[in-house]
Protein backbone atom coordinates (compact mmCIF):
# COMPACT_ATOMS: atom_id res chain seq x y z
CA MET A 1 102.53 104.40 80.67
CA GLY A 2 102.66 104.92 84.44
CA TYR A 3 99.45 103.13 85.36
CA GLY A 4 99.04 100.79 88.32
CA SER A 5 100.89 100.84 91.63
CA TYR A 6 103.93 98.99 92.86
CA THR A 7 103.33 96.18 95.36
CA ALA A 8 105.64 93.86 97.27
CA THR A 9 103.51 90.93 96.11
CA ASP A 10 104.21 91.68 92.45
CA TRP A 11 107.92 92.01 93.23
CA ASN A 12 108.01 88.68 95.04
CA LYS A 13 106.32 86.97 92.08
CA LEU A 14 108.80 88.49 89.63
CA LYS A 15 111.77 87.71 91.87
CA ALA A 16 110.72 84.07 92.09
CA SER A 17 109.89 83.64 88.40
CA ARG A 18 113.21 85.19 87.28
CA LYS A 19 115.23 83.58 90.12
CA ILE A 20 116.70 87.00 90.78
CA GLU A 21 118.31 86.23 94.12
CA THR A 22 120.42 83.34 92.81
CA SER A 23 121.06 84.51 89.24
CA SER A 24 124.22 86.07 87.86
CA THR A 25 124.29 89.39 86.02
CA ASN A 26 124.18 87.62 82.63
CA GLN A 27 121.23 85.52 83.78
CA ILE A 28 119.27 88.57 84.94
CA PHE A 29 120.15 90.84 82.03
CA THR A 30 119.79 88.49 79.08
CA ALA A 31 119.62 91.04 76.25
CA ARG A 32 122.52 90.83 73.79
CA GLN A 33 121.58 93.89 71.78
CA CYS A 34 119.66 97.09 72.29
CA ASP A 35 115.88 96.68 72.22
CA SER A 36 114.37 99.30 69.91
CA ARG A 37 111.75 100.08 72.58
CA TYR A 38 114.51 101.63 74.69
CA ASP A 39 116.63 103.15 71.91
CA PRO A 40 116.37 106.97 71.93
CA LYS A 41 116.48 107.24 68.16
CA PHE A 42 113.08 105.49 68.03
CA ILE A 43 111.56 107.48 70.88
CA GLY A 44 109.81 110.79 70.40
CA ASN A 45 109.11 111.62 74.05
CA ARG A 46 108.91 109.69 77.28
CA GLU A 47 105.81 110.92 79.08
CA ALA A 48 104.94 111.14 82.76
CA ARG A 49 101.24 111.93 82.72
CA ASP A 50 98.76 112.69 85.47
CA SER A 51 95.71 110.45 85.58
CA GLU A 52 92.71 109.77 87.77
CA GLU A 53 94.75 107.03 89.44
CA HIS A 54 97.87 109.20 89.81
CA PRO A 55 96.74 112.86 89.75
CA LEU A 56 99.96 114.49 90.99
CA THR A 57 102.79 112.61 89.33
CA THR A 58 106.44 112.97 90.33
CA PRO A 59 108.78 111.82 87.53
CA ILE A 60 112.06 110.34 88.78
CA ILE A 61 114.90 109.36 86.44
CA ILE A 62 117.80 107.18 87.58
CA GLY A 63 120.65 106.85 85.10
CA VAL A 64 123.30 104.23 85.79
CA ASP A 65 126.76 103.95 84.23
CA VAL A 66 126.86 100.44 82.74
CA THR A 67 130.39 100.53 81.33
CA GLY A 68 132.98 97.93 82.35
CA SER A 69 133.88 98.99 85.88
CA MET A 70 130.28 99.80 86.80
CA GLY A 71 128.56 96.68 85.48
CA TYR A 72 127.97 95.44 89.01
CA LEU A 73 125.70 98.36 89.87
CA SER A 74 122.73 97.29 87.74
CA THR A 75 122.76 93.90 89.46
CA GLN A 76 123.01 95.60 92.84
CA ILE A 77 119.99 97.76 92.02
CA ILE A 78 117.79 94.91 90.78
CA LYS A 79 118.75 92.54 93.61
CA GLU A 80 119.01 94.88 96.57
CA SER A 81 117.75 98.41 95.93
CA LEU A 82 114.78 98.54 93.57
CA ASN A 83 112.15 96.91 95.75
CA ASP A 84 113.20 98.94 98.77
CA LEU A 85 113.27 102.14 96.70
CA MET A 86 109.79 101.64 95.26
CA GLN A 87 108.31 100.71 98.63
CA GLN A 88 109.81 103.82 100.20
CA PHE A 89 108.46 105.95 97.35
CA TYR A 90 104.97 104.66 98.13
CA SER A 91 105.29 104.59 101.92
CA GLY A 92 104.20 108.16 102.64
CA GLU A 93 102.93 111.43 101.25
CA GLU A 94 106.27 113.21 100.74
CA ILE A 95 106.56 111.96 97.15
CA SER A 96 103.26 112.18 95.31
CA ASP A 97 102.47 109.53 92.68
CA PRO A 98 106.08 108.56 91.79
CA GLN A 99 106.80 107.47 88.23
CA LEU A 100 110.26 105.97 87.77
CA MET A 101 112.37 105.75 84.61
CA PHE A 102 115.72 103.96 84.38
CA ALA A 103 118.50 104.75 81.94
CA ALA A 104 121.59 102.73 81.04
CA ILE A 105 124.45 105.12 80.26
CA GLY A 106 127.55 104.16 78.33
CA ASP A 107 130.10 105.93 76.16
CA ALA A 108 129.23 107.53 72.83
CA VAL A 109 132.66 106.67 71.41
CA CYS A 110 132.97 103.05 72.54
CA ASP A 111 129.42 101.73 72.78
CA SER A 112 126.88 100.63 70.20
CA ALA A 113 124.05 101.69 72.52
CA PRO A 114 125.40 104.51 74.70
CA LEU A 115 121.95 105.37 76.06
CA GLN A 116 118.88 103.21 76.73
CA VAL A 117 115.77 104.47 78.53
CA THR A 118 112.73 102.73 79.96
CA HIS A 119 109.25 104.23 80.17
CA PHE A 120 108.10 106.12 83.25
CA GLU A 121 106.33 103.46 85.31
CA SER A 122 104.49 103.24 88.62
CA ASP A 123 104.30 99.47 89.00
CA ILE A 124 106.30 96.26 88.53
CA ARG A 125 106.84 97.03 84.85
CA ILE A 126 109.77 99.24 85.85
CA ALA A 127 111.63 96.15 87.12
CA GLU A 128 110.73 94.17 84.00
CA GLN A 129 111.95 96.95 81.72
CA LEU A 130 115.14 97.46 83.72
CA MET A 131 115.99 93.79 83.15
CA ASP A 132 115.31 94.21 79.42
CA LEU A 133 118.20 96.67 79.06
CA TRP A 134 121.43 95.59 77.39
CA LEU A 135 124.49 95.71 79.63
CA GLU A 136 127.06 96.24 76.92
CA ASN A 137 129.99 96.34 79.39
CA ARG A 138 132.37 98.22 77.15
CA GLY A 139 133.97 101.54 77.91
CA GLY A 140 136.06 101.95 81.04
CA ASP A 141 137.27 104.47 83.56
CA ILE A 142 137.44 107.27 81.01
CA PRO A 143 134.96 110.14 80.77
CA GLU A 144 131.48 108.72 80.22
CA ASP A 145 128.43 110.31 78.67
CA TYR A 146 126.08 111.25 81.48
CA GLU A 147 125.26 114.30 79.39
CA LEU A 148 123.34 112.00 77.00
CA LEU A 149 120.71 111.53 79.68
CA TRP A 150 120.60 115.28 80.37
CA TYR A 151 119.99 115.88 76.66
CA PHE A 152 117.23 113.25 76.62
CA ALA A 153 115.62 114.65 79.77
CA ALA A 154 115.65 118.18 78.36
CA LYS A 155 114.55 117.42 74.81
CA HIS A 156 112.68 114.10 74.88
CA THR A 157 110.58 113.97 78.04
CA ASP A 158 107.15 115.50 78.52
CA ILE A 159 106.09 115.68 82.16
CA ASP A 160 102.82 116.96 83.56
CA SER A 161 104.35 117.88 86.92
CA TYR A 162 106.26 120.67 85.20
CA ASN A 163 103.78 121.45 82.41
CA LYS A 164 100.77 121.78 84.70
CA ARG A 165 102.20 122.72 88.09
CA GLY A 166 105.68 124.07 87.45
CA LYS A 167 107.06 121.38 89.75
CA LYS A 168 110.32 119.76 88.73
CA GLY A 169 110.95 116.04 88.58
CA PHE A 170 114.19 114.44 89.74
CA CYS A 171 117.12 113.07 87.74
CA PHE A 172 120.02 111.17 89.31
CA THR A 173 123.04 109.91 87.40
CA ILE A 174 125.39 107.41 89.06
CA GLY A 175 128.93 106.44 88.09
CA ASP A 176 132.64 106.31 88.88
CA ALA A 177 134.08 108.34 85.99
CA GLY A 178 134.10 111.92 84.82
CA CYS A 179 131.79 113.42 82.23
CA HIS A 180 132.63 114.36 78.65
CA GLU A 181 132.87 118.11 78.21
CA LEU A 182 130.48 118.33 75.25
CA LEU A 183 128.03 116.43 73.10
CA ASN A 184 128.85 116.77 69.42
CA THR A 185 126.40 117.04 66.56
CA GLY A 186 127.42 113.67 65.10
CA SER A 187 126.63 111.83 68.33
CA ILE A 188 123.32 113.66 68.67
CA LYS A 189 122.33 112.55 65.17
CA ARG A 190 123.48 108.95 65.65
CA ILE A 191 121.98 108.44 69.10
CA PHE A 192 118.83 110.57 68.98
CA ASP A 193 118.33 111.13 65.24
CA ASP A 194 118.13 114.86 66.01
CA ASP A 195 119.60 117.49 63.73
CA VAL A 196 121.35 120.28 65.61
CA LYS A 197 123.70 122.90 64.22
CA PHE A 198 126.28 123.12 66.99
CA ASN A 199 128.01 120.99 69.60
CA ILE A 200 126.53 121.48 73.08
CA SER A 201 128.61 121.74 76.25
CA SER A 202 127.82 119.47 79.18
CA VAL A 203 127.40 122.57 81.34
CA LYS A 204 124.64 123.86 79.09
CA LEU A 205 123.02 120.42 78.88
CA ALA A 206 122.90 120.20 82.68
CA GLU A 207 121.42 123.67 82.88
CA SER A 208 118.82 122.88 80.24
CA ALA A 209 117.74 119.60 81.86
CA SER A 210 117.48 121.39 85.19
CA GLU A 211 114.61 123.46 83.81
CA LYS A 212 112.37 120.43 84.35
CA TYR A 213 114.38 118.29 86.78
CA GLU A 214 116.32 118.59 90.00
CA LEU A 215 119.66 117.21 88.78
CA PHE A 216 122.14 115.31 90.94
CA HIS A 217 125.16 113.14 90.20
CA ILE A 218 126.25 110.38 92.59
CA VAL A 219 129.98 109.71 92.33
CA ILE A 220 131.16 106.27 93.42
CA GLY A 221 134.63 106.85 94.87
CA ASP A 222 136.72 109.73 96.13
CA GLN A 223 137.01 111.91 93.03
CA SER A 224 134.46 114.41 91.76
CA PHE A 225 136.32 114.58 88.42
CA ASN A 226 135.01 117.56 86.43
CA PHE A 227 131.55 117.53 88.00
CA ASP A 228 132.37 120.31 90.43
CA ARG A 229 132.44 122.63 87.43
CA ILE A 230 129.69 121.02 85.32
CA LEU A 231 127.21 120.42 88.13
CA PRO A 232 128.37 122.43 91.17
CA GLY A 233 126.37 121.97 94.33
CA ARG A 234 124.73 118.83 93.00
CA ILE A 235 127.51 116.27 93.57
CA ILE A 236 126.98 113.42 96.03
CA THR A 237 130.01 111.28 96.86
CA ILE A 238 129.71 107.79 98.30
CA GLN A 239 132.11 104.87 98.50
CA LYS A 240 131.63 101.57 96.70
CA LYS A 241 130.86 99.84 99.99
CA GLU A 242 128.06 102.39 100.53
CA VAL A 243 126.22 101.54 97.29
CA ILE A 244 123.96 99.32 99.42
CA TYR A 245 122.54 102.58 100.83
CA LEU A 246 121.57 104.09 97.46
CA THR A 247 117.90 103.92 98.40
CA ASP A 248 118.47 105.99 101.53
CA VAL A 249 120.59 108.50 99.61
CA ILE A 250 118.08 109.04 96.79
CA MET A 251 115.05 109.08 99.07
CA SER A 252 116.67 111.53 101.49
CA VAL A 253 117.67 113.95 98.73
CA ILE A 254 114.16 113.96 97.28
CA GLN A 255 112.65 114.58 100.72
CA TYR A 256 115.14 117.38 101.38
CA VAL A 257 114.39 119.11 98.08
CA ASN A 258 110.67 118.74 98.77
CA GLY A 259 111.04 120.68 102.02
CA THR A 260 111.55 118.12 104.78
CA ASP A 261 114.11 119.53 107.21
CA LYS A 262 117.39 117.70 107.70
CA ASP A 263 116.83 116.84 111.37
CA THR A 264 113.55 115.11 110.54
CA ILE A 265 115.20 113.10 107.76
CA LEU A 266 118.11 112.07 109.98
CA SER A 267 115.79 111.08 112.83
CA ARG A 268 114.35 108.36 110.58
CA LYS A 269 117.75 106.84 109.75
CA THR A 270 119.58 104.03 111.46
CA GLU A 271 122.83 104.68 113.30
CA VAL A 272 124.64 103.05 110.37
CA THR A 273 123.31 105.46 107.73
CA ARG A 274 122.83 108.67 109.70
CA THR A 275 126.36 110.00 109.20
CA LEU A 276 126.31 109.18 105.50
CA ILE A 277 123.00 110.96 104.91
CA ASP A 278 124.10 113.95 107.01
CA ASN A 279 127.21 114.29 104.81
CA VAL A 280 125.14 113.92 101.64
CA LEU A 281 122.64 116.62 102.59
CA ASN A 282 125.43 118.97 103.73
CA SER A 283 127.16 118.59 100.36
CA ILE A 284 124.32 119.73 98.10
CA CYS A 285 122.57 122.98 97.42
CA ILE A 286 119.18 123.46 95.84
CA ASN A 287 117.64 126.02 93.48
CA ARG A 288 120.95 126.68 91.70
CA PHE A 289 119.97 126.55 88.05
CA GLY A 290 118.08 129.00 85.91
CA THR A 291 116.42 128.24 82.59
CA ILE A 292 118.56 127.93 79.47
CA GLU A 293 117.09 126.71 76.22
CA LEU A 294 118.97 124.46 73.79
C-alpha cells in the first residue's frame, strides 16, 4: 500500500459522496463489527515501503481511543482534522513522503475488537479505511489499552525508513484515560494470535516501539494519569476544546523532532494557536529511549 498522493479534489469528492459534513457519527462509521482487514490477528505486518513515487517514506501512526467517552474524536478527525492534516503533510519538504496509518484503540477487557489498524496510505484511501473502522463505543474512563498499539508498532510493522535509513517514524496515541500497566499473554494471543511466554509491561512496550518510532501520547484533559512514568517526556496535554487544533499539534511535534527550531514553528502559527504550540513543545523531550527487544 502507500501508493498515490493525497489531493483536496479527492477529499471533496469523498466528502460529497459520503455526505460527511451533515452526517452523524453512526452515518459516517457504519461498520457494526470488526472488518477482518483491520483485525491484528489476521495481519502479519503493516508495511511502509519506499517506491519510485515515494522514495523517502515517513510512516506516521495515529491511534485514537474510541471507547465511550472518546467516541466523538473519530468524528472530529474525519470532519475537521484529516483533510487539513494530510494537506499540511504534503505542503512542504519537512516531512518526506508521509504514509499515514490510523488505529482504533479500545479496552482488552471490555471490547470485542480492542485494536483495529488501517494500512499505511499516502492518498484518499486513508480516509476511506478510517471510516471502515468499527466504533464499538464500550469501555469508559478506566485505564485503556494504548499499549496494544505500541505492541503492534514494535512487532507487526515493517518500515523502510528505519530498515534502510535508520530514521524513525512517528506514533501518536490520543485519549482521556490512563494506560494499563501491562499486556498479558492471554490478551496477546487473543488479539494478535502471538504466542509469548510472559506478560509485558507497558513501560517495556513503549521502549520497544520507540526503537522504530518517535512515541507521543496526547492526553485530553488535565490529568497525565500514569503516563508520566510509562512515557516520560513524551506527554502532550490539551483540553477538549483544543481538539480542533490536533493538526497543528501533531504537525508541530513532527517538525520539531525533525529539527525545525521552535521559533520558526511558532512564527507560522496564528495568535490563537501560538501559546498552545509553545506549551506543547516545551513539555516534550526527544531522544529519550534506547533499544529494548521484546
